[in-house]
Amino acid sequence: MARVTDPRPPLPEWILECYDRLCTQACRPDHGEDSVPLIDYGDAVDVLVTDAELALEKRDVEHALTRLLERGYFYEVDDELRITSPEEQCSQQ
């Protein structure tokens, strides 16, 4: 079977860095082993805006979150961002 590839260009590295930071927050052990890894949208914005290494403005963070949602890295439920493939992301944390 032919491998299906995404015809869209890859996400920029800085957006993937945002994703990694948010996965680290969402996969914390205090969330419980059976819970779905998630982070509140407002908390996600705060985490990324205050990250000195990323040095992003709020509108950049909102753009990154929109792109991550559009590409399926996260899905949104009641203002919470949930990791689409937590078994892959949280095992790497």
Protein backbone atom coordinates (compact mmCIF):
# COMPACT_ATOMS: atom_id res chain seq x y z
CA MET A 1 0.00 0.00 0.00
CA ALA A 2 1.34 3.41 -0.91
CA ARG A 3 2.21 5.63 1.98
CA VAL A 4 -0.03 8.68 2.24
CA THR A 5 1.87 11.91 2.70
CA ASP A 6 0.64 15.28 3.81
CA PRO A 7 0.86 17.66 0.83
CA ARG A 8 1.03 20.67 3.15
CA PRO A 9 4.44 22.06 4.06
CA PRO A 10 5.70 21.09 7.52
CA LEU A 11 4.97 23.36 10.44
CA PRO A 12 7.73 25.84 11.28
CA GLU A 13 10.17 24.73 13.96
CA TRP A 14 9.02 27.43 16.42
CA ILE A 15 5.45 26.08 16.30
CA LEU A 16 6.71 22.55 16.95
CA GLU A 17 8.69 23.94 19.91
CA CYS A 18 5.42 25.36 21.26
CA TYR A 19 3.85 21.92 20.88
CA ASP A 20 6.71 20.27 22.78
CA ARG A 21 6.41 22.78 25.64
CA LEU A 22 2.66 22.25 25.90
CA CYS A 23 2.99 18.47 25.80
CA THR A 24 5.43 18.68 28.70
CA GLN A 25 2.79 20.60 30.69
CA ALA A 26 -0.12 18.38 29.65
CA CYS A 27 1.69 15.10 30.35
CA ARG A 28 2.60 15.90 33.96
CA PRO A 29 2.24 12.92 36.29
CA ASP A 30 -0.09 14.86 38.63
CA HIS A 31 -2.87 14.59 36.03
CA GLY A 32 -3.27 10.88 36.80
CA GLU A 33 -2.40 7.89 34.68
CA ASP A 34 -5.91 7.34 33.29
CA SER A 35 -6.70 10.97 32.54
CA VAL A 36 -6.49 12.50 29.08
CA PRO A 37 -3.43 14.78 28.82
CA LEU A 38 -4.77 18.30 28.47
CA ILE A 39 -4.03 21.92 29.15
CA ASP A 40 -6.50 24.78 29.46
CA TYR A 41 -6.31 27.13 26.46
CA GLY A 42 -5.63 30.15 28.68
CA ASP A 43 -2.92 28.25 30.56
CA ALA A 44 -1.36 27.24 27.24
CA VAL A 45 -1.20 30.87 26.18
CA ASP A 46 0.34 31.86 29.53
CA VAL A 47 2.94 29.06 29.39
CA LEU A 48 4.10 30.05 25.92
CA VAL A 49 4.01 33.83 26.42
CA THR A 50 6.08 33.57 29.61
CA ASP A 51 8.63 31.15 28.12
CA ALA A 52 11.73 33.34 27.84
CA GLU A 53 13.45 30.95 25.44
CA LEU A 54 10.59 31.14 22.92
CA ALA A 55 10.14 34.91 23.38
CA LEU A 56 6.73 35.03 21.68
CA GLU A 57 4.03 37.65 21.78
CA LYS A 58 0.43 36.69 22.53
CA ARG A 59 -0.67 36.93 18.89
CA ASP A 60 2.19 34.62 17.85
CA VAL A 61 1.12 32.12 20.49
CA GLU A 62 -2.49 32.26 19.32
CA HIS A 63 -1.32 31.70 15.73
CA ALA A 64 0.73 28.68 16.83
CA LEU A 65 -2.21 27.21 18.74
CA THR A 66 -4.50 27.72 15.75
CA ARG A 67 -2.05 25.93 13.45
CA LEU A 68 -1.62 23.05 15.91
CA LEU A 69 -5.39 22.66 16.15
CA GLU A 70 -5.81 22.83 12.37
CA ARG A 71 -3.17 20.14 11.85
CA GLY A 72 -4.65 17.85 14.49
CA TYR A 73 -1.84 17.97 17.04
CA PHE A 74 -4.48 19.03 19.58
CA TYR A 75 -8.24 18.94 19.66
CA GLU A 76 -10.31 21.36 21.70
CA VAL A 77 -13.04 20.47 24.21
CA ASP A 78 -14.58 23.20 26.38
CA ASP A 79 -11.54 25.52 26.17
CA GLU A 80 -9.15 22.64 26.90
CA LEU A 81 -6.48 21.51 24.47
CA ARG A 82 -6.14 17.74 24.45
CA ILE A 83 -3.23 15.89 22.87
CA THR A 84 -4.45 13.88 19.89
CA SER A 85 -1.83 11.10 20.30
CA PRO A 86 -0.94 11.13 24.00
CA GLU A 87 0.61 7.65 23.94
CA GLU A 88 3.29 8.97 21.56
CA GLN A 89 3.90 12.35 23.18
CA CYS A 90 3.66 11.51 26.87
CA SER A 91 5.93 8.48 26.61
CA GLN A 92 8.69 10.79 25.33
CA GLN A 93 8.39 13.17 28.29
